[in-house]
C-alpha cells in the first residue's frame, strides 16, 4: 500500500514539474539569469511549494507517527557542515550549467532529449561516486 501511495505522490510531483515548466531547461536557466533575460515566472512555483510544505510540516508536527506507518526521520543537524556546503555548491553548479535538478531530470527522462539522459546518467554516476570520495576525504581530514 505504501508503494501505491509513493507512486501516486511521485506522479503528482512529476505532473506538477511538467505543468510548471521545471522540465524546460530554457525556462530554468532564464530564472537563474538575473542579469540577462530573466524569467521570474518560476517564483510562483517556488511560492506554491513553500506554501504546500508549510502546511505539510504543520500537520506532520502534530502527529506522533506518519500516516502510512514507520517513524519520522530524525531532524538534521542545524549547523553548516563541510558536506552540506560542498553538496550545495555541486547541486547549484549542476543546476546552473544544465538547467535541470534531480526531480525534473527524472520527470523529463523519456522526452527531454539526449541532454536529459546525459544529465541523468551523470547524476547517477555522481551518486555512486560520492560515498567512496567522501570516505577518502573524511580519512584525509582526520
N, C-alpha and C. Protein backbone atom coordinates (compact mmCIF):
# COMPACT_ATOMS: atom_id res chain seq x y z
N UNK A 1 0.81 -1.19 0.00
CA UNK A 1 0.00 0.00 0.00
C UNK A 1 0.86 1.26 0.00
N UNK A 2 1.99 1.23 0.76
CA UNK A 2 2.87 2.39 0.79
C UNK A 2 3.45 2.67 -0.59
N UNK A 3 3.75 1.60 -1.33
CA UNK A 3 4.30 1.79 -2.69
C UNK A 3 3.28 2.46 -3.60
N UNK A 4 2.03 2.12 -3.44
CA UNK A 4 0.98 2.74 -4.25
C UNK A 4 0.87 4.24 -3.93
N UNK A 5 0.92 4.58 -2.65
CA UNK A 5 0.89 5.99 -2.26
C UNK A 5 2.13 6.73 -2.79
N UNK A 6 3.29 6.08 -2.70
CA UNK A 6 4.52 6.69 -3.20
C UNK A 6 4.45 6.90 -4.71
N UNK A 7 3.92 5.92 -5.43
CA UNK A 7 3.75 6.05 -6.88
C UNK A 7 2.82 7.21 -7.21
N UNK A 8 1.71 7.32 -6.51
CA UNK A 8 0.77 8.42 -6.74
C UNK A 8 1.38 9.78 -6.44
N UNK A 9 2.10 9.88 -5.31
CA UNK A 9 2.74 11.14 -4.95
C UNK A 9 3.81 11.52 -5.97
N UNK A 10 4.59 10.53 -6.42
CA UNK A 10 5.60 10.80 -7.44
C UNK A 10 4.98 11.24 -8.75
N UNK A 11 3.86 10.63 -9.10
CA UNK A 11 3.17 11.02 -10.33
C UNK A 11 2.64 12.44 -10.27
N UNK A 12 2.07 12.81 -9.13
CA UNK A 12 1.58 14.18 -8.96
C UNK A 12 2.75 15.16 -8.98
N UNK A 13 3.86 14.80 -8.36
CA UNK A 13 5.04 15.65 -8.35
C UNK A 13 5.57 15.84 -9.77
N UNK A 14 5.69 14.75 -10.52
CA UNK A 14 6.17 14.83 -11.90
C UNK A 14 5.24 15.66 -12.78
N UNK A 15 3.95 15.47 -12.61
CA UNK A 15 2.98 16.25 -13.38
C UNK A 15 3.10 17.74 -13.05
N UNK A 16 3.29 18.04 -11.78
CA UNK A 16 3.48 19.43 -11.37
C UNK A 16 4.73 20.04 -11.98
N UNK A 17 5.81 19.25 -12.04
CA UNK A 17 7.05 19.73 -12.66
C UNK A 17 6.84 20.01 -14.15
N UNK A 18 6.11 19.13 -14.82
CA UNK A 18 5.83 19.34 -16.24
C UNK A 18 4.97 20.57 -16.46
N UNK A 19 3.91 20.71 -15.68
CA UNK A 19 2.98 21.83 -15.86
C UNK A 19 3.63 23.17 -15.52
N UNK A 20 4.53 23.18 -14.56
CA UNK A 20 5.16 24.43 -14.14
C UNK A 20 6.29 24.88 -15.05
N UNK A 21 6.78 24.00 -15.89
CA UNK A 21 7.89 24.35 -16.77
C UNK A 21 9.25 24.00 -16.20
N UNK A 22 9.28 23.33 -15.04
CA UNK A 22 10.57 23.00 -14.43
C UNK A 22 11.37 21.98 -15.24
N UNK A 23 10.74 21.27 -16.17
CA UNK A 23 11.48 20.33 -17.01
C UNK A 23 12.01 20.99 -18.28
N UNK A 24 11.68 22.26 -18.49
CA UNK A 24 12.18 23.01 -19.65
C UNK A 24 13.45 23.74 -19.22
N UNK A 25 14.59 23.27 -19.70
CA UNK A 25 15.88 23.83 -19.28
C UNK A 25 16.00 25.31 -19.62
N UNK A 26 15.40 25.75 -20.72
CA UNK A 26 15.47 27.17 -21.08
C UNK A 26 14.75 28.04 -20.05
N UNK A 27 13.63 27.54 -19.54
CA UNK A 27 12.87 28.29 -18.54
C UNK A 27 13.65 28.38 -17.23
N UNK A 28 14.28 27.28 -16.84
CA UNK A 28 15.04 27.27 -15.59
C UNK A 28 16.27 28.16 -15.70
N UNK A 29 16.99 28.07 -16.81
CA UNK A 29 18.16 28.93 -16.99
C UNK A 29 17.72 30.40 -17.08
N UNK A 30 16.55 30.66 -17.67
CA UNK A 30 16.01 32.02 -17.68
C UNK A 30 15.73 32.53 -16.28
N UNK A 31 15.30 31.66 -15.38
CA UNK A 31 15.07 32.02 -13.98
C UNK A 31 16.40 32.36 -13.29
N UNK A 32 17.45 31.62 -13.63
CA UNK A 32 18.74 31.83 -12.99
C UNK A 32 19.51 33.01 -13.58
N UNK A 33 19.15 33.47 -14.77
CA UNK A 33 19.86 34.55 -15.46
C UNK A 33 19.31 35.91 -15.02
N UNK A 34 19.63 36.31 -13.80
CA UNK A 34 19.07 37.55 -13.25
C UNK A 34 19.65 38.80 -13.88
N UNK A 35 20.81 38.71 -14.53
CA UNK A 35 21.42 39.88 -15.16
C UNK A 35 21.20 39.90 -16.66
N UNK A 36 20.47 38.93 -17.20
CA UNK A 36 20.19 38.87 -18.63
C UNK A 36 18.69 38.88 -18.88
N UNK A 37 18.24 37.90 -19.63
CA UNK A 37 16.81 37.77 -19.95
C UNK A 37 16.11 37.00 -18.84
N UNK A 38 15.96 37.64 -17.69
CA UNK A 38 15.42 36.98 -16.51
C UNK A 38 13.94 36.65 -16.69
N UNK A 39 13.56 35.42 -16.33
CA UNK A 39 12.18 34.97 -16.40
C UNK A 39 11.70 34.69 -14.97
N UNK A 40 10.92 35.60 -14.37
CA UNK A 40 10.55 35.44 -12.97
C UNK A 40 9.38 34.49 -12.72
N UNK A 41 8.86 33.81 -13.73
CA UNK A 41 7.65 33.02 -13.55
C UNK A 41 7.84 31.83 -12.61
N UNK A 42 9.05 31.31 -12.49
CA UNK A 42 9.26 30.18 -11.59
C UNK A 42 9.16 30.59 -10.12
N UNK A 43 9.10 31.89 -9.84
CA UNK A 43 8.89 32.33 -8.46
C UNK A 43 7.53 31.83 -7.96
N UNK A 44 6.55 31.72 -8.86
CA UNK A 44 5.24 31.20 -8.46
C UNK A 44 5.33 29.72 -8.10
N UNK A 45 6.18 28.98 -8.80
CA UNK A 45 6.40 27.56 -8.47
C UNK A 45 7.02 27.46 -7.09
N UNK A 46 8.03 28.29 -6.84
CA UNK A 46 8.69 28.30 -5.54
C UNK A 46 7.71 28.68 -4.44
N UNK A 47 6.93 29.72 -4.68
CA UNK A 47 5.94 30.16 -3.68
C UNK A 47 4.90 29.09 -3.39
N UNK A 48 4.43 28.41 -4.43
CA UNK A 48 3.47 27.32 -4.24
C UNK A 48 4.06 26.18 -3.44
N UNK A 49 5.31 25.84 -3.72
CA UNK A 49 5.97 24.75 -3.00
C UNK A 49 6.16 25.11 -1.53
N UNK A 50 6.55 26.34 -1.26
CA UNK A 50 6.75 26.77 0.13
C UNK A 50 5.42 26.73 0.89
N UNK A 51 4.35 27.17 0.27
CA UNK A 51 3.03 27.16 0.93
C UNK A 51 2.58 25.72 1.25
N UNK A 52 2.72 24.84 0.28
CA UNK A 52 2.30 23.45 0.49
C UNK A 52 3.15 22.80 1.58
N UNK A 53 4.46 23.01 1.56
CA UNK A 53 5.31 22.38 2.56
C UNK A 53 5.11 23.00 3.95
N UNK A 54 4.76 24.28 4.01
CA UNK A 54 4.45 24.89 5.31
C UNK A 54 3.29 24.16 5.97
N UNK A 55 2.24 23.92 5.20
CA UNK A 55 1.08 23.20 5.73
C UNK A 55 1.45 21.76 6.07
N UNK A 56 2.21 21.11 5.19
CA UNK A 56 2.59 19.71 5.42
C UNK A 56 3.41 19.56 6.70
N UNK A 57 4.36 20.46 6.94
CA UNK A 57 5.18 20.37 8.15
C UNK A 57 4.35 20.65 9.40
N UNK A 58 3.38 21.54 9.30
CA UNK A 58 2.50 21.82 10.45
C UNK A 58 1.65 20.59 10.79
N UNK A 59 1.10 19.95 9.78
CA UNK A 59 0.29 18.75 10.00
C UNK A 59 1.16 17.61 10.55
N UNK A 60 2.33 17.42 9.94
CA UNK A 60 3.22 16.34 10.39
C UNK A 60 3.71 16.58 11.82
N UNK A 61 3.91 17.84 12.19
CA UNK A 61 4.38 18.15 13.53
C UNK A 61 3.37 17.82 14.62
N UNK A 62 2.11 17.69 14.25
CA UNK A 62 1.07 17.37 15.22
C UNK A 62 0.83 15.87 15.34
N UNK A 63 1.51 15.08 14.53
CA UNK A 63 1.30 13.63 14.54
C UNK A 63 2.43 12.94 15.30
N UNK A 64 2.10 11.84 15.95
CA UNK A 64 3.12 11.06 16.65
C UNK A 64 3.86 10.13 15.69
N UNK A 65 3.13 9.61 14.68
CA UNK A 65 3.73 8.72 13.69
C UNK A 65 3.20 9.10 12.30
N UNK A 66 3.93 8.74 11.25
CA UNK A 66 3.43 9.01 9.90
C UNK A 66 2.14 8.25 9.62
N UNK A 67 1.32 8.78 8.73
CA UNK A 67 0.01 8.18 8.43
C UNK A 67 0.14 6.79 7.83
N UNK A 68 1.22 6.52 7.11
CA UNK A 68 1.39 5.21 6.48
C UNK A 68 2.32 4.28 7.25
N UNK A 69 2.58 4.59 8.51
CA UNK A 69 3.39 3.71 9.35
C UNK A 69 4.85 4.11 9.38
N UNK A 70 5.59 3.40 10.18
CA UNK A 70 7.01 3.68 10.34
C UNK A 70 7.23 4.78 11.36
N UNK A 71 8.31 5.52 11.20
CA UNK A 71 8.61 6.62 12.12
C UNK A 71 9.17 7.79 11.34
N UNK A 72 9.08 8.96 11.91
CA UNK A 72 9.63 10.15 11.28
C UNK A 72 11.15 10.11 11.38
N UNK A 73 11.86 10.60 10.38
CA UNK A 73 13.32 10.64 10.47
C UNK A 73 13.75 11.67 11.51
N UNK A 74 14.93 11.48 12.04
CA UNK A 74 15.45 12.46 13.00
C UNK A 74 15.78 13.75 12.24
N UNK A 75 15.58 14.89 12.87
CA UNK A 75 15.89 16.16 12.20
C UNK A 75 17.39 16.27 11.94
N UNK A 76 17.77 16.93 10.87
CA UNK A 76 19.20 17.09 10.58
C UNK A 76 19.84 18.07 11.55
N UNK A 77 21.15 18.02 11.62
CA UNK A 77 21.89 18.96 12.45
C UNK A 77 21.68 20.37 11.91
N UNK A 78 21.45 21.35 12.78
CA UNK A 78 21.20 22.71 12.30
C UNK A 78 22.45 23.47 11.90
N UNK A 79 23.64 22.86 12.04
CA UNK A 79 24.87 23.58 11.73
C UNK A 79 25.26 23.36 10.26
N UNK A 80 26.04 24.28 9.76
CA UNK A 80 26.55 24.17 8.40
C UNK A 80 27.82 23.32 8.43
N UNK A 81 27.76 22.18 7.75
CA UNK A 81 28.92 21.28 7.72
C UNK A 81 29.61 21.36 6.37
N UNK A 82 30.79 20.82 6.31
CA UNK A 82 31.53 20.76 5.04
C UNK A 82 30.73 20.00 3.99
N UNK A 83 30.12 18.89 4.39
CA UNK A 83 29.35 18.09 3.43
C UNK A 83 28.17 18.87 2.88
N UNK A 84 27.48 19.63 3.73
CA UNK A 84 26.35 20.44 3.27
C UNK A 84 26.82 21.52 2.30
N UNK A 85 27.92 22.18 2.63
CA UNK A 85 28.42 23.26 1.77
C UNK A 85 28.88 22.72 0.42
N UNK A 86 29.65 21.65 0.41
CA UNK A 86 30.13 21.08 -0.85
C UNK A 86 28.96 20.56 -1.68
N UNK A 87 28.03 19.88 -1.04
CA UNK A 87 26.87 19.37 -1.77
C UNK A 87 26.03 20.48 -2.36
N UNK A 88 25.85 21.57 -1.61
CA UNK A 88 25.07 22.70 -2.12
C UNK A 88 25.74 23.36 -3.31
N UNK A 89 27.05 23.51 -3.24
CA UNK A 89 27.78 24.11 -4.36
C UNK A 89 27.69 23.22 -5.59
N UNK A 90 27.88 21.91 -5.42
CA UNK A 90 27.79 20.99 -6.56
C UNK A 90 26.39 20.97 -7.16
N UNK A 91 25.37 20.96 -6.30
CA UNK A 91 23.99 20.99 -6.78
C UNK A 91 23.74 22.27 -7.59
N UNK A 92 24.13 23.40 -7.04
CA UNK A 92 23.93 24.68 -7.73
C UNK A 92 24.68 24.76 -9.05
N UNK A 93 25.89 24.24 -9.08
CA UNK A 93 26.66 24.25 -10.33
C UNK A 93 25.98 23.39 -11.38
N UNK A 94 25.53 22.22 -10.99
CA UNK A 94 24.85 21.34 -11.94
C UNK A 94 23.55 21.93 -12.43
N UNK A 95 22.80 22.56 -11.53
CA UNK A 95 21.53 23.18 -11.90
C UNK A 95 21.76 24.34 -12.85
N UNK A 96 22.76 25.17 -12.55
CA UNK A 96 23.05 26.33 -13.39
C UNK A 96 23.59 25.95 -14.75
N UNK A 97 24.42 24.92 -14.81
CA UNK A 97 25.00 24.52 -16.09
C UNK A 97 24.02 23.78 -16.99
N UNK A 98 23.17 22.97 -16.39
CA UNK A 98 22.29 22.13 -17.21
C UNK A 98 20.85 22.63 -17.26
N UNK A 99 20.42 23.39 -16.26
CA UNK A 99 19.03 23.81 -16.20
C UNK A 99 18.12 22.73 -15.65
N UNK A 100 18.70 21.68 -15.10
CA UNK A 100 17.92 20.58 -14.52
C UNK A 100 18.43 20.28 -13.12
N UNK A 101 17.53 19.85 -12.27
CA UNK A 101 17.90 19.28 -10.99
C UNK A 101 17.29 17.87 -10.95
N UNK A 102 17.57 17.07 -9.93
CA UNK A 102 17.18 15.65 -9.98
C UNK A 102 15.72 15.37 -10.29
N UNK A 103 14.78 16.05 -9.64
CA UNK A 103 13.36 15.77 -9.88
C UNK A 103 12.95 16.01 -11.32
N UNK A 104 13.17 17.22 -11.85
CA UNK A 104 12.83 17.47 -13.25
C UNK A 104 13.60 16.59 -14.23
N UNK A 105 14.84 16.23 -13.91
CA UNK A 105 15.61 15.36 -14.81
C UNK A 105 14.93 14.00 -14.94
N UNK A 106 14.44 13.47 -13.82
CA UNK A 106 13.76 12.18 -13.88
C UNK A 106 12.41 12.31 -14.57
N UNK A 107 11.72 13.44 -14.34
CA UNK A 107 10.42 13.64 -14.97
C UNK A 107 10.53 13.80 -16.48
N UNK A 108 11.65 14.35 -16.95
CA UNK A 108 11.81 14.58 -18.39
C UNK A 108 12.71 13.55 -19.06
N UNK A 109 13.05 12.47 -18.38
CA UNK A 109 14.00 11.49 -18.93
C UNK A 109 13.51 10.88 -20.23
N UNK A 110 12.22 10.66 -20.35
CA UNK A 110 11.71 9.99 -21.55
C UNK A 110 11.55 10.93 -22.73
N UNK A 111 11.34 12.23 -22.50
CA UNK A 111 11.12 13.14 -23.62
C UNK A 111 12.00 14.38 -23.55
N UNK A 112 13.01 14.36 -22.71
CA UNK A 112 13.89 15.51 -22.58
C UNK A 112 15.03 15.53 -23.57
N UNK A 113 15.06 14.57 -24.48
CA UNK A 113 16.15 14.53 -25.46
C UNK A 113 17.41 13.93 -24.86
N UNK A 114 18.46 13.95 -25.63
CA UNK A 114 19.73 13.34 -25.21
C UNK A 114 20.34 14.10 -24.04
N UNK A 115 20.12 15.41 -23.97
CA UNK A 115 20.68 16.20 -22.86
C UNK A 115 20.14 15.75 -21.52
N UNK A 116 18.84 15.47 -21.44
CA UNK A 116 18.25 14.99 -20.20
C UNK A 116 18.80 13.63 -19.79
N UNK A 117 19.00 12.76 -20.76
CA UNK A 117 19.55 11.44 -20.46
C UNK A 117 21.01 11.53 -20.01
N UNK A 118 21.78 12.42 -20.64
CA UNK A 118 23.18 12.61 -20.24
C UNK A 118 23.23 13.13 -18.81
N UNK A 119 22.37 14.11 -18.51
CA UNK A 119 22.33 14.64 -17.15
C UNK A 119 21.96 13.55 -16.16
N UNK A 120 20.96 12.75 -16.49
CA UNK A 120 20.52 11.68 -15.60
C UNK A 120 21.65 10.67 -15.37
N UNK A 121 22.37 10.30 -16.42
CA UNK A 121 23.50 9.38 -16.29
C UNK A 121 24.60 9.98 -15.43
N UNK A 122 24.90 11.26 -15.64
CA UNK A 122 25.93 11.93 -14.84
C UNK A 122 25.50 12.03 -13.38
N UNK A 123 24.22 12.27 -13.14
CA UNK A 123 23.72 12.36 -11.78
C UNK A 123 23.87 11.01 -11.06
N UNK A 124 23.49 9.94 -11.74
CA UNK A 124 23.61 8.61 -11.14
C UNK A 124 25.08 8.28 -10.88
N UNK A 125 25.96 8.62 -11.84
CA UNK A 125 27.40 8.37 -11.64
C UNK A 125 27.91 9.14 -10.44
N UNK A 126 27.48 10.39 -10.29
CA UNK A 126 27.89 11.18 -9.13
C UNK A 126 27.39 10.60 -7.83
N UNK A 127 26.16 10.08 -7.84
CA UNK A 127 25.60 9.48 -6.63
C UNK A 127 26.37 8.22 -6.24
N UNK A 128 26.82 7.47 -7.23
CA UNK A 128 27.59 6.26 -6.95
C UNK A 128 29.02 6.59 -6.52
N UNK A 129 29.57 7.67 -7.06
CA UNK A 129 30.95 8.04 -6.74
C UNK A 129 31.07 8.77 -5.41
N UNK A 130 30.00 9.41 -4.96
CA UNK A 130 30.07 10.26 -3.76
C UNK A 130 30.48 9.51 -2.49
N UNK A 131 29.91 8.35 -2.16
CA UNK A 131 30.30 7.70 -0.90
C UNK A 131 31.79 7.34 -0.81
N UNK A 132 32.41 6.73 -1.84
CA UNK A 132 33.84 6.45 -1.69
C UNK A 132 34.69 7.72 -1.65
N UNK A 133 34.29 8.75 -2.38
CA UNK A 133 35.04 10.01 -2.34
C UNK A 133 34.92 10.65 -0.97
N UNK A 134 33.72 10.62 -0.41
CA UNK A 134 33.51 11.19 0.93
C UNK A 134 34.32 10.42 1.97
N UNK A 135 34.37 9.10 1.85
CA UNK A 135 35.14 8.30 2.80
C UNK A 135 36.63 8.67 2.73
N UNK A 136 37.15 8.87 1.51
CA UNK A 136 38.56 9.26 1.37
C UNK A 136 38.81 10.64 1.95
N UNK A 137 37.90 11.58 1.71
CA UNK A 137 38.06 12.93 2.25
C UNK A 137 37.99 12.92 3.77
N UNK A 138 37.08 12.12 4.33
CA UNK A 138 36.97 12.03 5.79
C UNK A 138 38.23 11.42 6.39
N UNK A 139 38.80 10.42 5.71
CA UNK A 139 40.03 9.79 6.18
C UNK A 139 41.18 10.78 6.10
N UNK A 140 41.26 11.55 5.02
CA UNK A 140 42.33 12.52 4.86
C UNK A 140 42.22 13.65 5.87
N UNK A 141 41.00 14.01 6.24
CA UNK A 141 40.79 15.11 7.18
C UNK A 141 41.15 14.74 8.61
N UNK A 142 41.12 13.44 8.93
CA UNK A 142 41.41 13.03 10.31
C UNK A 142 42.79 12.48 10.48
